[in-house]
C-alpha atoms as a PDB file:
ATOM      1  CA  MET A   1      35.896 -29.027 -17.732  1.00  0.00           C
ATOM      2  CA  ASN A   2      32.296 -27.974 -18.192  1.00  0.00           C
ATOM      3  CA  ILE A   3      30.319 -31.187 -17.695  1.00  0.00           C
ATOM      4  CA  SER A   4      26.983 -29.632 -18.686  1.00  0.00           C
ATOM      5  CA  ILE A   5      27.856 -30.249 -22.329  1.00  0.00           C
ATOM      6  CA  THR A   6      28.765 -33.882 -22.858  1.00  0.00           C
ATOM      7  CA  ILE A   7      29.457 -34.058 -26.580  1.00  0.00           C
ATOM      8  CA  GLY A   8      33.159 -33.749 -27.309  1.00  0.00           C
ATOM      9  CA  GLN A   9      34.331 -34.210 -23.721  1.00  0.00           C
ATOM     10  CA  TYR A  10      36.534 -37.083 -22.583  1.00  0.00           C
ATOM     11  CA  TYR A  11      36.325 -38.647 -19.116  1.00  0.00           C
ATOM     12  CA  LYS A  12      39.707 -40.191 -18.350  1.00  0.00           C
ATOM     13  CA  GLU A  13      39.362 -43.568 -16.660  1.00  0.00           C
ATOM     14  CA  ASN A  14      40.890 -47.038 -16.826  1.00  0.00           C
ATOM     15  CA  SER A  15      37.981 -49.214 -17.907  1.00  0.00           C
ATOM     16  CA  ILE A  16      37.196 -51.948 -20.378  1.00  0.00           C
ATOM     17  CA  ILE A  17      34.997 -49.560 -22.408  1.00  0.00           C
ATOM     18  CA  HIS A  18      37.783 -46.980 -22.659  1.00  0.00           C
ATOM     19  CA  SER A  19      40.199 -49.625 -23.935  1.00  0.00           C
ATOM     20  CA  LEU A  20      37.947 -50.779 -26.789  1.00  0.00           C
ATOM     21  CA  ASP A  21      38.831 -49.947 -30.380  1.00  0.00           C
ATOM     22  CA  PRO A  22      37.080 -46.683 -31.363  1.00  0.00           C
ATOM     23  CA  ARG A  23      35.632 -48.397 -34.444  1.00  0.00           C
ATOM     24  CA  ALA A  24      33.971 -51.001 -32.221  1.00  0.00           C
ATOM     25  CA  LYS A  25      32.450 -48.246 -30.063  1.00  0.00           C
ATOM     26  CA  ILE A  26      31.199 -46.329 -33.098  1.00  0.00           C
ATOM     27  CA  LEU A  27      29.562 -49.442 -34.553  1.00  0.00           C
ATOM     28  CA  ALA A  28      28.108 -50.447 -31.180  1.00  0.00           C
ATOM     29  CA  THR A  29      26.665 -46.953 -30.691  1.00  0.00           C
ATOM     30  CA  PHE A  30      25.161 -47.059 -34.183  1.00  0.00           C
ATOM     31  CA  LEU A  31      23.532 -50.441 -33.475  1.00  0.00           C
ATOM     32  CA  TYR A  32      22.207 -49.115 -30.157  1.00  0.00           C
ATOM     33  CA  ILE A  33      20.661 -46.070 -31.867  1.00  0.00           C
ATOM     34  CA  VAL A  34      19.071 -48.353 -34.470  1.00  0.00           C
ATOM     35  CA  SER A  35      17.597 -50.474 -31.665  1.00  0.00           C
ATOM     36  CA  ILE A  36      15.844 -47.580 -29.926  1.00  0.00           C
ATOM     37  CA  PHE A  37      14.063 -46.689 -33.181  1.00  0.00           C
ATOM     38  CA  LEU A  38      12.850 -50.281 -33.577  1.00  0.00           C
ATOM     39  CA  ILE A  39      10.982 -50.257 -30.259  1.00  0.00           C
ATOM     40  CA  ARG A  40       7.206 -49.848 -30.526  1.00  0.00           C
ATOM     41  CA  GLU A  41       6.049 -50.415 -26.923  1.00  0.00           C
ATOM     42  CA  PRO A  42       7.215 -47.972 -24.188  1.00  0.00           C
ATOM     43  CA  ILE A  43       7.695 -50.830 -21.696  1.00  0.00           C
ATOM     44  CA  VAL A  44      10.353 -52.379 -23.977  1.00  0.00           C
ATOM     45  CA  PHE A  45      12.589 -49.336 -23.351  1.00  0.00           C
ATOM     46  CA  LEU A  46      13.568 -51.106 -20.141  1.00  0.00           C
ATOM     47  CA  VAL A  47      15.867 -53.286 -22.273  1.00  0.00           C
ATOM     48  CA  PRO A  48      18.025 -50.419 -23.662  1.00  0.00           C
ATOM     49  CA  LEU A  49      17.892 -48.787 -20.223  1.00  0.00           C
ATOM     50  CA  VAL A  50      19.432 -51.847 -18.549  1.00  0.00           C
ATOM     51  CA  PHE A  51      21.976 -52.173 -21.358  1.00  0.00           C
ATOM     52  CA  LEU A  52      22.962 -48.496 -20.987  1.00  0.00           C
ATOM     53  CA  ILE A  53      23.254 -48.713 -17.184  1.00  0.00           C
ATOM     54  CA  VAL A  54      25.517 -51.761 -17.432  1.00  0.00           C
ATOM     55  CA  THR A  55      27.674 -50.064 -20.078  1.00  0.00           C
ATOM     56  CA  TYR A  56      28.039 -46.864 -18.043  1.00  0.00           C
ATOM     57  CA  SER A  57      28.976 -48.974 -15.010  1.00  0.00           C
ATOM     58  CA  LEU A  58      31.658 -50.806 -17.009  1.00  0.00           C
ATOM     59  CA  ALA A  59      32.945 -47.448 -18.296  1.00  0.00           C
ATOM     60  CA  LYS A  60      33.158 -46.148 -14.675  1.00  0.00           C
ATOM     61  CA  VAL A  61      31.511 -42.882 -15.731  1.00  0.00           C
ATOM     62  CA  PRO A  62      29.488 -41.310 -12.852  1.00  0.00           C
ATOM     63  CA  PHE A  63      25.748 -41.322 -13.485  1.00  0.00           C
ATOM     64  CA  ARG A  64      25.537 -37.672 -12.389  1.00  0.00           C
ATOM     65  CA  TYR A  65      27.259 -36.815 -15.682  1.00  0.00           C
ATOM     66  CA  VAL A  66      24.304 -38.369 -17.505  1.00  0.00           C
ATOM     67  CA  PHE A  67      21.758 -36.125 -15.773  1.00  0.00           C
ATOM     68  CA  ARG A  68      23.875 -32.997 -16.155  1.00  0.00           C
ATOM     69  CA  GLY A  69      24.454 -33.832 -19.801  1.00  0.00           C
ATOM     70  CA  LEU A  70      20.706 -33.986 -20.422  1.00  0.00           C
ATOM     71  CA  LYS A  71      20.088 -30.500 -19.006  1.00  0.00           C
ATOM     72  CA  PRO A  72      20.952 -28.574 -22.214  1.00  0.00           C
ATOM     73  CA  VAL A  73      18.475 -30.657 -24.269  1.00  0.00           C
ATOM     74  CA  MET A  74      15.662 -30.897 -21.730  1.00  0.00           C
ATOM     75  CA  ILE A  75      13.821 -28.002 -23.377  1.00  0.00           C
ATOM     76  CA  LEU A  76      13.851 -29.843 -26.714  1.00  0.00           C
ATOM     77  CA  ILE A  77      12.687 -33.051 -25.028  1.00  0.00           C
ATOM     78  CA  ILE A  78       9.820 -31.246 -23.274  1.00  0.00           C
ATOM     79  CA  ILE A  79       8.770 -29.493 -26.508  1.00  0.00           C
ATOM     80  CA  ALA A  80       8.822 -32.805 -28.420  1.00  0.00           C
ATOM     81  CA  PHE A  81       6.813 -34.459 -25.638  1.00  0.00           C
ATOM     82  CA  LEU A  82       4.130 -31.743 -25.595  1.00  0.00           C
ATOM     83  CA  MET A  83       3.859 -31.531 -29.384  1.00  0.00           C
ATOM     84  CA  ASN A  84       3.221 -35.276 -29.663  1.00  0.00           C
ATOM     85  CA  LEU A  85       1.019 -35.337 -26.558  1.00  0.00           C
ATOM     86  CA  PHE A  86      -1.421 -32.674 -27.762  1.00  0.00           C
ATOM     87  CA  GLY A  87      -0.906 -32.957 -31.529  1.00  0.00           C
ATOM     88  CA  THR A  88      -1.683 -36.639 -32.097  1.00  0.00           C
ATOM     89  CA  LYS A  89      -5.202 -37.662 -33.024  1.00  0.00           C
ATOM     90  CA  GLY A  90      -6.820 -40.789 -31.648  1.00  0.00           C
ATOM     91  CA  GLU A  91      -9.024 -42.069 -28.851  1.00  0.00           C
ATOM     92  CA  ALA A  92      -9.722 -39.268 -26.331  1.00  0.00           C
ATOM     93  CA  TRP A  93      -8.302 -39.964 -22.887  1.00  0.00           C
ATOM     94  CA  ILE A  94      -7.999 -36.750 -20.832  1.00  0.00           C
ATOM     95  CA  HIS A  95      -9.312 -33.233 -21.470  1.00  0.00           C
ATOM     96  CA  VAL A  96      -7.069 -30.369 -20.254  1.00  0.00           C
ATOM     97  CA  TYR A  97      -8.770 -26.992 -20.732  1.00  0.00           C
ATOM     98  CA  LYS A  98      -9.259 -26.837 -24.533  1.00  0.00           C
ATOM     99  CA  PHE A  99      -6.754 -29.584 -25.271  1.00  0.00           C
ATOM    100  CA  THR A 100      -7.379 -33.302 -25.563  1.00  0.00           C
ATOM    101  CA  ILE A 101      -4.856 -35.970 -24.689  1.00  0.00           C
ATOM    102  CA  THR A 102      -5.274 -39.224 -26.578  1.00  0.00           C
ATOM    103  CA  HIS A 103      -3.947 -42.696 -25.789  1.00  0.00           C
ATOM    104  CA  GLU A 104      -1.991 -42.644 -29.050  1.00  0.00           C
ATOM    105  CA  GLY A 105      -0.595 -39.182 -28.305  1.00  0.00           C
ATOM    106  CA  PHE A 106       0.608 -40.175 -24.849  1.00  0.00           C
ATOM    107  CA  ARG A 107       2.297 -43.360 -26.135  1.00  0.00           C
ATOM    108  CA  LEU A 108       3.971 -41.484 -28.992  1.00  0.00           C
ATOM    109  CA  ALA A 109       5.126 -38.655 -26.683  1.00  0.00           C
ATOM    110  CA  VAL A 110       6.714 -41.136 -24.279  1.00  0.00           C
ATOM    111  CA  LYS A 111       8.456 -43.032 -27.094  1.00  0.00           C
ATOM    112  CA  VAL A 112       9.823 -39.888 -28.769  1.00  0.00           C
ATOM    113  CA  SER A 113      11.106 -38.484 -25.462  1.00  0.00           C
ATOM    114  CA  LEU A 114      12.770 -41.741 -24.445  1.00  0.00           C
ATOM    115  CA  ARG A 115      14.380 -42.092 -27.867  1.00  0.00           C
ATOM    116  CA  PHE A 116      15.773 -38.567 -27.544  1.00  0.00           C
ATOM    117  CA  ILE A 117      17.137 -39.312 -24.054  1.00  0.00           C
ATOM    118  CA  PHE A 118      18.758 -42.615 -25.032  1.00  0.00           C
ATOM    119  CA  LEU A 119      20.204 -41.056 -28.197  1.00  0.00           C
ATOM    120  CA  VAL A 120      21.919 -38.285 -26.211  1.00  0.00           C
ATOM    121  CA  THR A 121      23.167 -40.554 -23.400  1.00  0.00           C
ATOM    122  CA  ALA A 122      24.553 -43.181 -25.797  1.00  0.00           C
ATOM    123  CA  SER A 123      26.347 -40.562 -27.900  1.00  0.00           C
ATOM    124  CA  SER A 124      27.708 -38.954 -24.753  1.00  0.00           C
ATOM    125  CA  LEU A 125      29.076 -42.280 -23.521  1.00  0.00           C
ATOM    126  CA  MET A 126      30.998 -42.712 -26.781  1.00  0.00           C
ATOM    127  CA  THR A 127      32.631 -39.287 -26.412  1.00  0.00           C
ATOM    128  CA  TYR A 128      33.249 -39.828 -22.684  1.00  0.00           C
ATOM    129  CA  THR A 129      35.260 -42.965 -23.422  1.00  0.00           C
ATOM    130  CA  THR A 130      36.937 -41.939 -26.696  1.00  0.00           C
ATOM    131  CA  THR A 131      39.246 -39.003 -27.343  1.00  0.00           C
ATOM    132  CA  SER A 132      38.408 -36.760 -30.274  1.00  0.00           C
ATOM    133  CA  ASN A 133      41.540 -37.903 -32.140  1.00  0.00           C
ATOM    134  CA  ASN A 134      40.690 -41.595 -31.762  1.00  0.00           C
ATOM    135  CA  LEU A 135      37.066 -40.921 -32.684  1.00  0.00           C
ATOM    136  CA  ALA A 136      38.176 -39.177 -35.895  1.00  0.00           C
ATOM    137  CA  LYS A 137      40.589 -42.011 -36.700  1.00  0.00           C
ATOM    138  CA  GLY A 138      37.851 -44.568 -36.157  1.00  0.00           C
ATOM    139  CA  LEU A 139      35.433 -42.706 -38.419  1.00  0.00           C
ATOM    140  CA  GLU A 140      38.107 -42.326 -41.097  1.00  0.00           C
ATOM    141  CA  SER A 141      38.887 -46.045 -40.951  1.00  0.00           C
ATOM    142  CA  LEU A 142      35.211 -47.005 -41.244  1.00  0.00           C
ATOM    143  CA  MET A 143      34.712 -44.646 -44.179  1.00  0.00           C
ATOM    144  CA  LYS A 144      37.752 -45.863 -46.134  1.00  0.00           C
ATOM    145  CA  PRO A 145      35.627 -47.714 -48.738  1.00  0.00           C
ATOM    146  CA  LEU A 146      34.198 -44.320 -49.750  1.00  0.00           C
ATOM    147  CA  LYS A 147      37.627 -43.349 -51.085  1.00  0.00           C
ATOM    148  CA  LEU A 148      36.815 -45.501 -54.109  1.00  0.00           C
ATOM    149  CA  ILE A 149      34.287 -42.863 -55.177  1.00  0.00           C
ATOM    150  CA  LYS A 150      36.720 -40.004 -54.418  1.00  0.00           C
ATOM    151  CA  PHE A 151      34.951 -39.050 -51.184  1.00  0.00           C
ATOM    152  CA  PRO A 152      37.208 -36.792 -49.009  1.00  0.00           C
ATOM    153  CA  VAL A 153      37.295 -39.188 -46.058  1.00  0.00           C
ATOM    154  CA  HIS A 154      40.334 -37.691 -44.332  1.00  0.00           C
ATOM    155  CA  ASP A 155      39.022 -34.131 -44.671  1.00  0.00           C
ATOM    156  CA  ILE A 156      35.669 -35.096 -43.137  1.00  0.00           C
ATOM    157  CA  ALA A 157      37.376 -36.924 -40.254  1.00  0.00           C
ATOM    158  CA  THR A 158      39.624 -33.907 -39.612  1.00  0.00           C
ATOM    159  CA  MET A 159      36.621 -31.570 -39.599  1.00  0.00           C
ATOM    160  CA  ILE A 160      34.792 -33.784 -37.075  1.00  0.00           C
ATOM    161  CA  SER A 161      37.870 -33.931 -34.842  1.00  0.00           C
ATOM    162  CA  ILE A 162      38.273 -30.130 -34.877  1.00  0.00           C
ATOM    163  CA  ALA A 163      34.538 -29.614 -34.285  1.00  0.00           C
ATOM    164  CA  LEU A 164      34.572 -31.913 -31.242  1.00  0.00           C
ATOM    165  CA  ARG A 165      37.584 -30.086 -29.837  1.00  0.00           C
ATOM    166  CA  PHE A 166      35.853 -26.738 -30.393  1.00  0.00           C
ATOM    167  CA  ILE A 167      32.722 -27.586 -28.381  1.00  0.00           C
ATOM    168  CA  PRO A 168      34.257 -27.484 -24.858  1.00  0.00           C
ATOM    169  CA  ILE A 169      36.447 -24.525 -25.877  1.00  0.00           C
ATOM    170  CA  LEU A 170      33.449 -22.492 -27.014  1.00  0.00           C
ATOM    171  CA  VAL A 171      31.453 -23.487 -23.931  1.00  0.00           C
ATOM    172  CA  ASN A 172      34.226 -22.175 -21.682  1.00  0.00           C
ATOM    173  CA  GLU A 173      34.437 -19.034 -23.815  1.00  0.00           C
ATOM    174  CA  LEU A 174      30.684 -18.556 -23.432  1.00  0.00           C
ATOM    175  CA  ASP A 175      31.016 -18.841 -19.647  1.00  0.00           C
ATOM    176  CA  LYS A 176      33.717 -16.158 -19.637  1.00  0.00           C
ATOM    177  CA  ILE A 177      31.603 -13.800 -21.773  1.00  0.00           C
ATOM    178  CA  ARG A 178      28.526 -14.368 -19.597  1.00  0.00           C
ATOM    179  CA  LEU A 179      30.489 -13.635 -16.413  1.00  0.00           C
ATOM    180  CA  ALA A 180      31.920 -10.486 -18.014  1.00  0.00           C
ATOM    181  CA  GLN A 181      28.406  -9.305 -18.956  1.00  0.00           C
ATOM    182  CA  ARG A 182      27.127 -10.051 -15.431  1.00  0.00           C
ATOM    183  CA  ALA A 183      29.992  -7.970 -14.003  1.00  0.00           C
ATOM    184  CA  ARG A 184      28.681  -5.091 -16.142  1.00  0.00           C
ATOM    185  CA  GLY A 185      25.227  -5.407 -14.572  1.00  0.00           C
ATOM    186  CA  VAL A 186      23.416  -7.607 -17.109  1.00  0.00           C
ATOM    187  CA  ASP A 187      20.882  -9.949 -15.493  1.00  0.00           C
ATOM    188  CA  PHE A 188      20.029 -12.785 -17.878  1.00  0.00           C
ATOM    189  CA  ASP A 189      17.236 -14.110 -15.610  1.00  0.00           C
ATOM    190  CA  GLU A 190      15.115 -10.944 -15.610  1.00  0.00           C
ATOM    191  CA  GLY A 191      12.189 -10.269 -17.920  1.00  0.00           C
ATOM    192  CA  ASN A 192       9.946 -12.406 -20.105  1.00  0.00           C
ATOM    193  CA  THR A 193      11.090 -14.859 -22.778  1.00  0.00           C
ATOM    194  CA  PHE A 194      11.543 -12.212 -25.503  1.00  0.00           C
ATOM    195  CA  VAL A 195      13.566  -9.978 -23.177  1.00  0.00           C
ATOM    196  CA  ARG A 196      15.839 -12.895 -22.256  1.00  0.00           C
ATOM    197  CA  ILE A 197      16.344 -13.776 -25.919  1.00  0.00           C
ATOM    198  CA  LYS A 198      17.275 -10.156 -26.627  1.00  0.00           C
ATOM    199  CA  LYS A 199      19.831 -10.268 -23.800  1.00  0.00           C
ATOM    200  CA  MET A 200      21.511 -13.227 -25.519  1.00  0.00           C
ATOM    201  CA  ILE A 201      22.717 -10.993 -28.348  1.00  0.00           C
ATOM    202  CA  PRO A 202      25.654  -9.564 -26.280  1.00  0.00           C
ATOM    203  CA  LEU A 203      26.702 -13.213 -25.749  1.00  0.00           C
ATOM    204  CA  ILE A 204      26.275 -14.528 -29.281  1.00  0.00           C
ATOM    205  CA  ILE A 205      28.154 -11.758 -31.125  1.00  0.00           C
ATOM    206  CA  PRO A 206      31.404 -11.966 -29.052  1.00  0.00           C
ATOM    207  CA  LEU A 207      31.188 -15.775 -29.099  1.00  0.00           C
ATOM    208  CA  PHE A 208      30.861 -15.788 -32.901  1.00  0.00           C
ATOM    209  CA  ALA A 209      33.806 -13.370 -33.211  1.00  0.00           C
ATOM    210  CA  SER A 210      35.906 -15.554 -30.898  1.00  0.00           C
ATOM    211  CA  ALA A 211      35.018 -18.685 -32.867  1.00  0.00           C
ATOM    212  CA  MET A 212      36.031 -17.054 -36.149  1.00  0.00           C
ATOM    213  CA  LYS A 213      39.313 -15.887 -34.612  1.00  0.00           C
ATOM    214  CA  LYS A 214      40.152 -19.367 -33.279  1.00  0.00           C
ATOM    215  CA  ALA A 215      39.211 -20.972 -36.604  1.00  0.00           C
ATOM    216  CA  ASN A 216      41.528 -18.574 -38.418  1.00  0.00           C
ATOM    217  CA  GLU A 217      44.358 -19.372 -35.976  1.00  0.00           C
ATOM    218  CA  ILE A 218      43.912 -23.109 -36.560  1.00  0.00           C
ATOM    219  CA  ALA A 219      43.879 -22.605 -40.336  1.00  0.00           C
ATOM    220  CA  GLN A 220      47.100 -20.563 -40.195  1.00  0.00           C
ATOM    221  CA  ALA A 221      48.753 -23.151 -37.934  1.00  0.00           C
ATOM    222  CA  MET A 222      47.841 -26.000 -40.308  1.00  0.00           C
ATOM    223  CA  ASP A 223      49.000 -23.975 -43.316  1.00  0.00           C
ATOM    224  CA  SER A 224      52.336 -23.068 -41.665  1.00  0.00           C
ATOM    225  CA  ARG A 225      52.970 -26.790 -41.051  1.00  0.00           C
ATOM    226  CA  CYS A 226      52.279 -27.538 -44.747  1.00  0.00           C
ATOM    227  CA  TYR A 227      49.254 -29.682 -43.917  1.00  0.00           C
ATOM    228  CA  ASN A 228      48.037 -31.545 -46.990  1.00  0.00           C
ATOM    229  CA  SER A 229      45.300 -34.140 -46.732  1.00  0.00           C
ATOM    230  CA  SER A 230      46.073 -35.556 -50.157  1.00  0.00           C
ATOM    231  CA  ASP A 231      49.443 -36.946 -49.026  1.00  0.00           C
ATOM    232  CA  MET A 232      49.695 -40.498 -47.718  1.00  0.00           C
ATOM    233  CA  ARG A 233      49.636 -40.041 -43.959  1.00  0.00           C
ATOM    234  CA  THR A 234      50.813 -42.636 -41.447  1.00  0.00           C
ATOM    235  CA  GLU A 235      49.843 -43.304 -37.826  1.00  0.00           C
ATOM    236  CA  ILE A 236      52.112 -43.922 -34.843  1.00  0.00           C
ATOM    237  CA  ASN A 237      49.632 -46.394 -33.373  1.00  0.00           C
ATOM    238  CA  GLU A 238      47.753 -48.498 -35.878  1.00  0.00           C
ATOM    239  CA  MET A 239      44.261 -49.540 -34.814  1.00  0.00           C
ATOM    240  CA  LYS A 240      43.681 -53.279 -34.580  1.00  0.00           C
ATOM    241  CA  PHE A 241      40.620 -55.202 -33.494  1.00  0.00           C
ATOM    242  CA  ALA A 242      41.244 -57.404 -30.437  1.00  0.00           C
ATOM    243  CA  ALA A 243      39.162 -60.222 -28.984  1.00  0.00           C
ATOM    244  CA  LYS A 244      37.409 -57.822 -26.570  1.00  0.00           C
ATOM    245  CA  ASP A 245      36.269 -55.673 -29.508  1.00  0.00           C
ATOM    246  CA  TYR A 246      34.660 -58.644 -31.237  1.00  0.00           C
ATOM    247  CA  ILE A 247      33.047 -59.672 -27.945  1.00  0.00           C
ATOM    248  CA  ALA A 248      31.653 -56.139 -27.439  1.00  0.00           C
ATOM    249  CA  LEU A 249      30.123 -56.134 -30.929  1.00  0.00           C
ATOM    250  CA  PHE A 250      28.754 -59.641 -30.422  1.00  0.00           C
ATOM    251  CA  VAL A 251      27.070 -58.603 -27.151  1.00  0.00           C
ATOM    252  CA  THR A 252      25.624 -55.524 -28.864  1.00  0.00           C
ATOM    253  CA  LEU A 253      24.252 -57.702 -31.665  1.00  0.00           C
ATOM    254  CA  LEU A 254      22.679 -60.029 -29.072  1.00  0.00           C
ATOM    255  CA  TYR A 255      21.062 -56.990 -27.453  1.00  0.00           C
ATOM    256  CA  LEU A 256      19.794 -55.817 -30.871  1.00  0.00           C
ATOM    257  CA  GLY A 257      18.407 -59.299 -31.532  1.00  0.00           C
ATOM    258  CA  LEU A 258      16.566 -59.186 -28.184  1.00  0.00           C
ATOM    259  CA  VAL A 259      14.977 -55.855 -29.133  1.00  0.00           C
ATOM    260  CA  ILE A 260      13.919 -57.281 -32.515  1.00  0.00           C
ATOM    261  CA  VAL A 261      12.347 -60.292 -30.760  1.00  0.00           C
ATOM    262  CA  PHE A 262      10.330 -57.980 -28.492  1.00  0.00           C
ATOM    263  CA  ARG A 263       9.260 -55.990 -31.573  1.00  0.00           C
ATOM    264  CA  ILE A 264       8.018 -59.128 -33.326  1.00  0.00           C
ATOM    265  CA  ILE A 265       6.192 -60.362 -30.220  1.00  0.00           C
END
């Protein structure tokens, strides 16, 4: 398993977080994401940090997975930090060459970066503790009311499940293609930024062709099994909320209430 990409990967473990109903984890993750966008003061991010550390500990997921999972998005985080740091007007604080750093820019850059980090780590925890099938079932169950307006709930849930399964497969395929190109003498670390981007073309084209081939194979397999989303489909294991699921949501709501209190203060 390639643990550099966290989305779509499942970490098998016997923990209280793993045993929760997927709907409870989806709702708790949503409430957590809402909370990090309610925070105005950077110091208040200590609250979601503590909450996330406790949750990861209960899930028994190694913290090294968190840091490795952030590596692919670190460039985006750095870009967002710099854009807000140098692009926000306000009271001048520090002058760097021809650029001016303001108090408002620094505060906004820190908040945006931390929100990005917590968003990725919280989403990763949900996929670490929930299989793609259970995640799709949970989403389908939560979206059932949309069937009243003829929304294709089952089709959307199936698409999400397939997409999550495809991520680790395509990552492994990309590793194979990169190793094959290296064996042919391609050095992806040489040259300036534009040269490196140009060298990515021999990776992207075979990866795209492989993805299309695998998608076609899945479509043929579903068609050969007479898959029809319009039929009434049943489940072997019906999802039911237990006491621990209600407790988990209650604790998450308490955490959200604490964040709201800090926002008001």
